[in-house]
């Protein structure tokens, strides 16, 4: 009588289809994933072209220096004073034919001003009710 040898069983996991599975998972996640796009600061920029004469009394100048201090028409003020002064100045100047405040707020920064500080001041200006905001280019050094 012949004795048959038992075949040895291998203790390995078959990996021949692992690459296919990984590829399918990669495609699935690429298709199913949505990318969030940074929206940035929503602002409406004017069209190129004409110049308009503006009464200097209708312009409020804000300068943010490199230390983060705020100068409003040449005077150093803190954030709460800025909001109060802008709110009162907007009320004093009144509104135009479209119902928007006549006051134009010009914000200028130094090249070394921190971006967070600039955004904080821009938020304060918007909270005070200003709708016409001019962002001036920093001076070149």
N, C-alpha and C. Protein backbone atom coordinates (compact mmCIF):
# COMPACT_ATOMS: atom_id res chain seq x y z
N UNK A 1 0.81 -1.16 0.00
CA UNK A 1 0.00 0.00 0.00
C UNK A 1 0.87 1.25 0.00
N UNK A 2 0.46 2.12 -0.85
CA UNK A 2 1.23 3.35 -0.98
C UNK A 2 0.73 4.39 0.02
N UNK A 3 1.66 5.02 0.61
CA UNK A 3 1.29 6.08 1.56
C UNK A 3 1.47 7.42 0.85
N UNK A 4 0.39 8.15 0.85
CA UNK A 4 0.45 9.46 0.19
C UNK A 4 0.97 10.49 1.18
N UNK A 5 1.86 11.28 0.67
CA UNK A 5 2.37 12.39 1.50
C UNK A 5 1.37 13.54 1.48
N UNK A 6 1.18 14.09 2.62
CA UNK A 6 0.30 15.25 2.69
C UNK A 6 1.08 16.46 2.20
N UNK A 7 0.37 17.30 1.46
CA UNK A 7 1.01 18.52 0.97
C UNK A 7 1.15 19.51 2.12
N UNK A 8 2.26 20.14 2.14
CA UNK A 8 2.47 21.14 3.19
C UNK A 8 1.67 22.40 2.86
N UNK A 9 1.02 22.89 3.86
CA UNK A 9 0.23 24.10 3.66
C UNK A 9 1.14 25.31 3.88
N UNK A 10 0.95 26.29 3.04
CA UNK A 10 1.76 27.51 3.22
C UNK A 10 1.00 28.45 4.17
N UNK A 11 1.76 29.19 4.92
CA UNK A 11 1.18 30.10 5.90
C UNK A 11 1.32 31.54 5.43
N UNK A 12 1.25 31.77 4.16
CA UNK A 12 1.40 33.10 3.59
C UNK A 12 0.04 33.63 3.15
N UNK A 13 -0.07 34.94 3.18
CA UNK A 13 -1.28 35.60 2.68
C UNK A 13 -1.04 35.92 1.22
N UNK A 14 -1.95 35.58 0.38
CA UNK A 14 -1.73 35.88 -1.05
C UNK A 14 -1.77 37.40 -1.28
N UNK A 15 -0.72 37.93 -1.85
CA UNK A 15 -0.61 39.38 -2.06
C UNK A 15 -0.70 39.77 -3.52
N UNK A 16 -1.06 38.87 -4.35
CA UNK A 16 -1.10 39.18 -5.79
C UNK A 16 -2.16 40.23 -6.13
N UNK A 17 -3.26 40.29 -5.39
CA UNK A 17 -4.31 41.26 -5.71
C UNK A 17 -4.25 42.50 -4.81
N UNK A 18 -3.26 42.61 -3.94
CA UNK A 18 -3.16 43.78 -3.05
C UNK A 18 -2.98 45.08 -3.83
N UNK A 19 -2.19 45.05 -4.86
CA UNK A 19 -1.97 46.26 -5.66
C UNK A 19 -3.27 46.71 -6.31
N UNK A 20 -4.07 45.78 -6.78
CA UNK A 20 -5.36 46.12 -7.38
C UNK A 20 -6.29 46.77 -6.36
N UNK A 21 -6.33 46.20 -5.18
CA UNK A 21 -7.20 46.74 -4.12
C UNK A 21 -6.74 48.15 -3.73
N UNK A 22 -5.45 48.34 -3.57
CA UNK A 22 -4.92 49.66 -3.21
C UNK A 22 -5.24 50.68 -4.29
N UNK A 23 -5.10 50.29 -5.54
CA UNK A 23 -5.40 51.19 -6.65
C UNK A 23 -6.88 51.57 -6.66
N UNK A 24 -7.77 50.60 -6.45
CA UNK A 24 -9.19 50.89 -6.41
C UNK A 24 -9.56 51.81 -5.24
N UNK A 25 -8.96 51.57 -4.08
CA UNK A 25 -9.21 52.46 -2.94
C UNK A 25 -8.73 53.88 -3.22
N UNK A 26 -7.59 54.00 -3.85
CA UNK A 26 -7.05 55.32 -4.19
C UNK A 26 -8.00 56.05 -5.13
N UNK A 27 -8.47 55.38 -6.15
CA UNK A 27 -9.41 56.00 -7.08
C UNK A 27 -10.70 56.37 -6.37
N UNK A 28 -11.21 55.50 -5.51
CA UNK A 28 -12.44 55.79 -4.78
C UNK A 28 -12.29 57.07 -3.95
N UNK A 29 -11.20 57.20 -3.19
CA UNK A 29 -11.03 58.37 -2.34
C UNK A 29 -10.76 59.64 -3.15
N UNK A 30 -10.11 59.52 -4.28
CA UNK A 30 -9.91 60.70 -5.13
C UNK A 30 -11.23 61.20 -5.70
N UNK A 31 -12.10 60.29 -6.06
CA UNK A 31 -13.39 60.67 -6.63
C UNK A 31 -14.35 61.16 -5.55
N UNK A 32 -14.33 60.53 -4.39
CA UNK A 32 -15.31 60.84 -3.34
C UNK A 32 -14.93 62.06 -2.50
N UNK A 33 -13.68 62.47 -2.50
CA UNK A 33 -13.24 63.57 -1.66
C UNK A 33 -13.51 64.91 -2.34
N UNK A 34 -13.99 65.87 -1.55
CA UNK A 34 -14.19 67.22 -2.07
C UNK A 34 -13.09 68.11 -1.52
N UNK A 35 -12.68 69.05 -2.33
CA UNK A 35 -11.62 69.98 -1.93
C UNK A 35 -12.26 71.30 -1.52
N UNK A 36 -11.89 71.81 -0.37
CA UNK A 36 -12.36 73.12 0.07
C UNK A 36 -11.47 74.18 -0.56
N UNK A 37 -12.10 75.17 -1.14
CA UNK A 37 -11.35 76.26 -1.75
C UNK A 37 -11.38 77.44 -0.79
N UNK A 38 -10.22 78.07 -0.59
CA UNK A 38 -10.17 79.26 0.25
C UNK A 38 -10.91 80.38 -0.45
N UNK A 39 -11.80 80.99 0.27
CA UNK A 39 -12.61 82.05 -0.32
C UNK A 39 -11.89 83.40 -0.28
N UNK A 40 -11.04 83.62 0.72
CA UNK A 40 -10.35 84.90 0.82
C UNK A 40 -11.28 85.96 1.39
N UNK A 41 -10.90 87.20 1.22
CA UNK A 41 -11.69 88.32 1.72
C UNK A 41 -12.63 88.77 0.61
N UNK A 42 -13.94 88.72 0.85
CA UNK A 42 -14.87 89.12 -0.21
C UNK A 42 -14.88 90.64 -0.37
N UNK A 43 -14.40 91.12 -1.49
CA UNK A 43 -14.39 92.55 -1.76
C UNK A 43 -14.74 92.77 -3.23
N UNK A 44 -15.45 93.85 -3.47
CA UNK A 44 -15.78 94.22 -4.84
C UNK A 44 -14.79 95.30 -5.26
N UNK A 45 -14.02 95.01 -6.27
CA UNK A 45 -13.03 95.97 -6.75
C UNK A 45 -13.65 96.84 -7.84
N UNK A 46 -13.26 98.11 -7.87
CA UNK A 46 -13.82 99.00 -8.90
C UNK A 46 -13.26 98.66 -10.27
N UNK A 47 -13.97 99.08 -11.29
CA UNK A 47 -13.50 98.88 -12.65
C UNK A 47 -12.35 99.83 -12.94
N UNK A 48 -11.52 99.43 -13.89
CA UNK A 48 -10.42 100.31 -14.29
C UNK A 48 -10.98 101.53 -14.99
N UNK A 49 -10.25 102.58 -14.83
CA UNK A 49 -10.67 103.74 -15.60
C UNK A 49 -10.73 105.00 -14.80
N UNK A 50 -11.83 105.70 -14.97
CA UNK A 50 -12.00 107.08 -14.53
C UNK A 50 -11.63 107.39 -13.10
N UNK A 51 -11.28 108.65 -12.94
CA UNK A 51 -10.96 109.18 -11.62
C UNK A 51 -12.12 110.04 -11.16
N UNK A 52 -12.38 110.00 -9.88
CA UNK A 52 -13.47 110.78 -9.32
C UNK A 52 -12.89 111.68 -8.23
N UNK A 53 -13.25 112.95 -8.27
CA UNK A 53 -12.81 113.89 -7.23
C UNK A 53 -13.63 113.63 -5.97
N UNK A 54 -12.92 113.52 -4.85
CA UNK A 54 -13.59 113.24 -3.58
C UNK A 54 -13.23 114.35 -2.59
N UNK A 55 -14.22 114.78 -1.85
CA UNK A 55 -14.01 115.78 -0.82
C UNK A 55 -13.11 115.18 0.26
N UNK A 56 -11.99 115.85 0.60
CA UNK A 56 -11.08 115.31 1.61
C UNK A 56 -11.73 115.09 2.98
N UNK A 57 -12.84 115.78 3.24
CA UNK A 57 -13.53 115.59 4.51
C UNK A 57 -14.22 114.23 4.57
N UNK A 58 -14.45 113.63 3.40
CA UNK A 58 -15.13 112.34 3.34
C UNK A 58 -14.16 111.16 3.34
N UNK A 59 -12.89 111.41 3.68
CA UNK A 59 -11.90 110.35 3.73
C UNK A 59 -11.36 110.24 5.15
N UNK A 60 -11.42 109.04 5.71
CA UNK A 60 -10.84 108.76 7.02
C UNK A 60 -9.59 107.91 6.78
N UNK A 61 -8.45 108.41 7.21
CA UNK A 61 -7.19 107.72 6.94
C UNK A 61 -6.75 106.92 8.17
N UNK A 62 -6.53 105.63 7.94
CA UNK A 62 -6.05 104.74 9.00
C UNK A 62 -4.69 104.21 8.58
N UNK A 63 -3.72 104.34 9.46
CA UNK A 63 -2.38 103.81 9.21
C UNK A 63 -2.05 102.81 10.30
N UNK A 64 -1.60 101.63 9.91
CA UNK A 64 -1.17 100.61 10.88
C UNK A 64 0.34 100.49 10.72
N UNK A 65 1.07 100.87 11.77
CA UNK A 65 2.54 100.82 11.66
C UNK A 65 3.07 99.41 11.93
N UNK A 66 4.38 99.27 11.84
CA UNK A 66 4.98 97.93 11.98
C UNK A 66 4.81 97.35 13.37
N UNK A 67 4.59 98.19 14.38
CA UNK A 67 4.38 97.71 15.74
C UNK A 67 2.93 97.31 15.99
N UNK A 68 2.05 97.57 15.01
CA UNK A 68 0.64 97.22 15.15
C UNK A 68 -0.21 98.33 15.73
N UNK A 69 0.40 99.51 15.96
CA UNK A 69 -0.36 100.65 16.49
C UNK A 69 -1.18 101.27 15.37
N UNK A 70 -2.37 101.75 15.72
CA UNK A 70 -3.29 102.33 14.75
C UNK A 70 -3.28 103.85 14.88
N UNK A 71 -3.07 104.52 13.74
CA UNK A 71 -3.14 105.97 13.69
C UNK A 71 -4.37 106.34 12.87
N UNK A 72 -5.29 107.07 13.48
CA UNK A 72 -6.51 107.51 12.81
C UNK A 72 -6.38 109.01 12.59
N UNK A 73 -6.24 109.42 11.35
CA UNK A 73 -6.00 110.82 10.98
C UNK A 73 -4.84 111.41 11.77
N UNK A 74 -3.78 110.62 11.94
CA UNK A 74 -2.55 111.09 12.58
C UNK A 74 -2.49 110.91 14.09
N UNK A 75 -3.55 110.45 14.73
CA UNK A 75 -3.57 110.28 16.18
C UNK A 75 -3.56 108.78 16.53
N UNK A 76 -2.75 108.41 17.51
CA UNK A 76 -2.68 107.01 17.94
C UNK A 76 -3.92 106.71 18.80
N UNK A 77 -4.64 105.63 18.41
CA UNK A 77 -5.84 105.23 19.14
C UNK A 77 -5.86 103.71 19.28
N UNK A 78 -6.70 103.22 20.20
CA UNK A 78 -6.84 101.77 20.34
C UNK A 78 -8.05 101.30 19.52
N UNK A 79 -8.29 100.01 19.52
CA UNK A 79 -9.32 99.42 18.66
C UNK A 79 -10.73 99.91 18.98
N UNK A 80 -11.06 100.02 20.27
CA UNK A 80 -12.40 100.45 20.66
C UNK A 80 -12.65 101.90 20.26
N UNK A 81 -11.63 102.75 20.42
CA UNK A 81 -11.77 104.15 20.01
C UNK A 81 -11.95 104.24 18.50
N UNK A 82 -11.25 103.39 17.77
CA UNK A 82 -11.37 103.39 16.31
C UNK A 82 -12.80 103.10 15.88
N UNK A 83 -13.39 102.09 16.49
CA UNK A 83 -14.76 101.74 16.13
C UNK A 83 -15.72 102.88 16.46
N UNK A 84 -15.56 103.49 17.64
CA UNK A 84 -16.44 104.59 18.03
C UNK A 84 -16.27 105.80 17.12
N UNK A 85 -15.02 106.16 16.82
CA UNK A 85 -14.77 107.32 15.96
C UNK A 85 -15.31 107.10 14.56
N UNK A 86 -15.12 105.90 14.01
CA UNK A 86 -15.63 105.62 12.68
C UNK A 86 -17.16 105.65 12.65
N UNK A 87 -17.79 105.08 13.67
CA UNK A 87 -19.25 105.07 13.72
C UNK A 87 -19.80 106.48 13.76
N UNK A 88 -19.22 107.34 14.59
CA UNK A 88 -19.71 108.73 14.68
C UNK A 88 -19.40 109.50 13.40
N UNK A 89 -18.24 109.27 12.80
CA UNK A 89 -17.89 109.99 11.58
C UNK A 89 -18.77 109.57 10.42
N UNK A 90 -19.14 108.29 10.36
CA UNK A 90 -20.05 107.81 9.31
C UNK A 90 -21.41 108.47 9.45
N UNK A 91 -21.89 108.59 10.68
CA UNK A 91 -23.18 109.24 10.92
C UNK A 91 -23.12 110.72 10.57
N UNK A 92 -22.00 111.39 10.87
CA UNK A 92 -21.85 112.81 10.58
C UNK A 92 -21.87 113.09 9.08
N UNK A 93 -21.21 112.26 8.30
CA UNK A 93 -21.08 112.50 6.86
C UNK A 93 -22.35 112.17 6.08
N UNK A 94 -23.22 111.35 6.62
CA UNK A 94 -24.47 111.04 5.95
C UNK A 94 -24.32 109.97 4.88
N UNK A 95 -25.34 109.86 4.05
CA UNK A 95 -25.36 108.83 3.01
C UNK A 95 -25.47 109.48 1.63
N UNK A 96 -25.07 108.72 0.60
CA UNK A 96 -25.15 109.21 -0.77
C UNK A 96 -26.52 108.86 -1.37
N UNK A 97 -26.66 109.04 -2.67
CA UNK A 97 -27.93 108.80 -3.35
C UNK A 97 -28.34 107.32 -3.30
N UNK A 98 -27.35 106.42 -3.21
CA UNK A 98 -27.65 104.99 -3.17
C UNK A 98 -27.96 104.49 -1.76
N UNK A 99 -27.85 105.37 -0.77
CA UNK A 99 -28.12 104.98 0.60
C UNK A 99 -26.90 104.44 1.33
N UNK A 100 -25.74 104.53 0.71
CA UNK A 100 -24.49 104.07 1.34
C UNK A 100 -23.80 105.25 1.99
N UNK A 101 -23.04 104.99 3.07
CA UNK A 101 -22.33 106.10 3.72
C UNK A 101 -21.35 106.78 2.77
N UNK A 102 -21.26 108.13 2.89
CA UNK A 102 -20.35 108.89 2.04
C UNK A 102 -18.89 108.70 2.45
N UNK A 103 -18.67 108.37 3.71
CA UNK A 103 -17.31 108.28 4.22
C UNK A 103 -16.54 107.13 3.56
N UNK A 104 -15.33 107.45 3.10
CA UNK A 104 -14.43 106.44 2.54
C UNK A 104 -13.32 106.22 3.55
N UNK A 105 -13.11 104.97 3.94
CA UNK A 105 -12.07 104.65 4.91
C UNK A 105 -10.86 104.11 4.15
N UNK A 106 -9.74 104.80 4.29
CA UNK A 106 -8.50 104.39 3.63
C UNK A 106 -7.59 103.71 4.66
N UNK A 107 -7.24 102.45 4.39
CA UNK A 107 -6.38 101.69 5.30
C UNK A 107 -5.03 101.50 4.63
N UNK A 108 -3.99 101.91 5.34
CA UNK A 108 -2.63 101.76 4.82
C UNK A 108 -1.79 101.08 5.90
N UNK A 109 -0.94 100.17 5.48
CA UNK A 109 -0.09 99.45 6.42
C UNK A 109 1.37 99.68 6.10
N UNK A 110 2.21 99.31 7.04
CA UNK A 110 3.64 99.28 6.82
C UNK A 110 3.99 97.91 6.25
N UNK A 111 5.12 97.78 5.60
CA UNK A 111 5.50 96.48 5.02
C UNK A 111 5.67 95.41 6.10
N UNK A 112 6.08 95.78 7.29
CA UNK A 112 6.33 94.81 8.36
C UNK A 112 5.12 94.58 9.26
N UNK A 113 3.98 95.18 8.95
CA UNK A 113 2.78 94.99 9.76
C UNK A 113 2.33 93.53 9.67
N UNK A 114 1.96 92.97 10.82
CA UNK A 114 1.49 91.58 10.84
C UNK A 114 0.13 91.49 10.15
N UNK A 115 -0.04 90.42 9.38
CA UNK A 115 -1.26 90.24 8.61
C UNK A 115 -2.48 90.11 9.53
N UNK A 116 -2.34 89.42 10.66
CA UNK A 116 -3.46 89.26 11.60
C UNK A 116 -3.95 90.61 12.11
N UNK A 117 -3.02 91.51 12.36
CA UNK A 117 -3.38 92.84 12.86
C UNK A 117 -4.16 93.61 11.79
N UNK A 118 -3.70 93.50 10.55
CA UNK A 118 -4.38 94.16 9.44
C UNK A 118 -5.82 93.65 9.31
N UNK A 119 -6.01 92.34 9.38
CA UNK A 119 -7.35 91.76 9.26
C UNK A 119 -8.23 92.18 10.43
N UNK A 120 -7.66 92.28 11.63
CA UNK A 120 -8.42 92.72 12.79
C UNK A 120 -8.95 94.13 12.58
N UNK A 121 -8.10 95.03 12.09
CA UNK A 121 -8.52 96.41 11.85
C UNK A 121 -9.55 96.46 10.73
N UNK A 122 -9.37 95.66 9.69
CA UNK A 122 -10.34 95.62 8.59
C UNK A 122 -11.70 95.15 9.10
N UNK A 123 -11.72 94.18 10.01
CA UNK A 123 -12.98 93.71 10.60
C UNK A 123 -13.64 94.82 11.43
N UNK A 124 -12.84 95.56 12.18
CA UNK A 124 -13.38 96.66 12.99
C UNK A 124 -14.00 97.72 12.09
N UNK A 125 -13.34 98.03 10.98
CA UNK A 125 -13.86 99.02 10.04
C UNK A 125 -15.20 98.56 9.47
N UNK A 126 -15.30 97.28 9.12
CA UNK A 126 -16.56 96.75 8.58
C UNK A 126 -17.66 96.75 9.64
N UNK A 127 -17.30 96.42 10.89
CA UNK A 127 -18.28 96.41 11.98
C UNK A 127 -18.81 97.79 12.27
N UNK A 128 -18.01 98.82 12.02
CA UNK A 128 -18.45 100.18 12.31
C UNK A 128 -19.46 100.69 11.30
N UNK A 129 -19.67 99.94 10.22
CA UNK A 129 -20.68 100.33 9.23
C UNK A 129 -20.12 100.91 7.95
N UNK A 130 -18.81 100.93 7.80
CA UNK A 130 -18.21 101.46 6.58
C UNK A 130 -18.41 100.48 5.43
N UNK A 131 -18.83 101.02 4.30
CA UNK A 131 -19.01 100.18 3.11
C UNK A 131 -18.01 100.53 2.02
N UNK A 132 -17.47 101.74 2.07
CA UNK A 132 -16.47 102.16 1.08
C UNK A 132 -15.10 102.12 1.76
N UNK A 133 -14.34 101.09 1.43
CA UNK A 133 -13.04 100.89 2.06
C UNK A 133 -11.97 100.87 0.98
N UNK A 134 -10.96 101.71 1.18
CA UNK A 134 -9.85 101.78 0.24
C UNK A 134 -8.63 101.16 0.91
N UNK A 135 -7.99 100.23 0.21
CA UNK A 135 -6.79 99.59 0.75
C UNK A 135 -5.59 100.17 0.00
N UNK A 136 -4.83 100.98 0.71
CA UNK A 136 -3.69 101.66 0.09
C UNK A 136 -2.47 100.76 0.14
N UNK A 137 -1.63 100.90 -0.86
CA UNK A 137 -0.41 100.11 -0.95
C UNK A 137 0.62 100.64 0.03
N UNK A 138 1.33 99.73 0.75
CA UNK A 138 2.36 100.17 1.67
C UNK A 138 3.50 100.89 0.93
N UNK A 139 4.15 101.81 1.64
CA UNK A 139 5.30 102.51 1.05
C UNK A 139 6.44 101.55 0.83
N UNK A 140 7.14 101.72 -0.26
CA UNK A 140 8.31 100.88 -0.54
C UNK A 140 9.50 101.46 0.20
N UNK A 141 10.32 100.54 0.74
CA UNK A 141 11.50 101.00 1.48
C UNK A 141 12.74 100.71 0.70
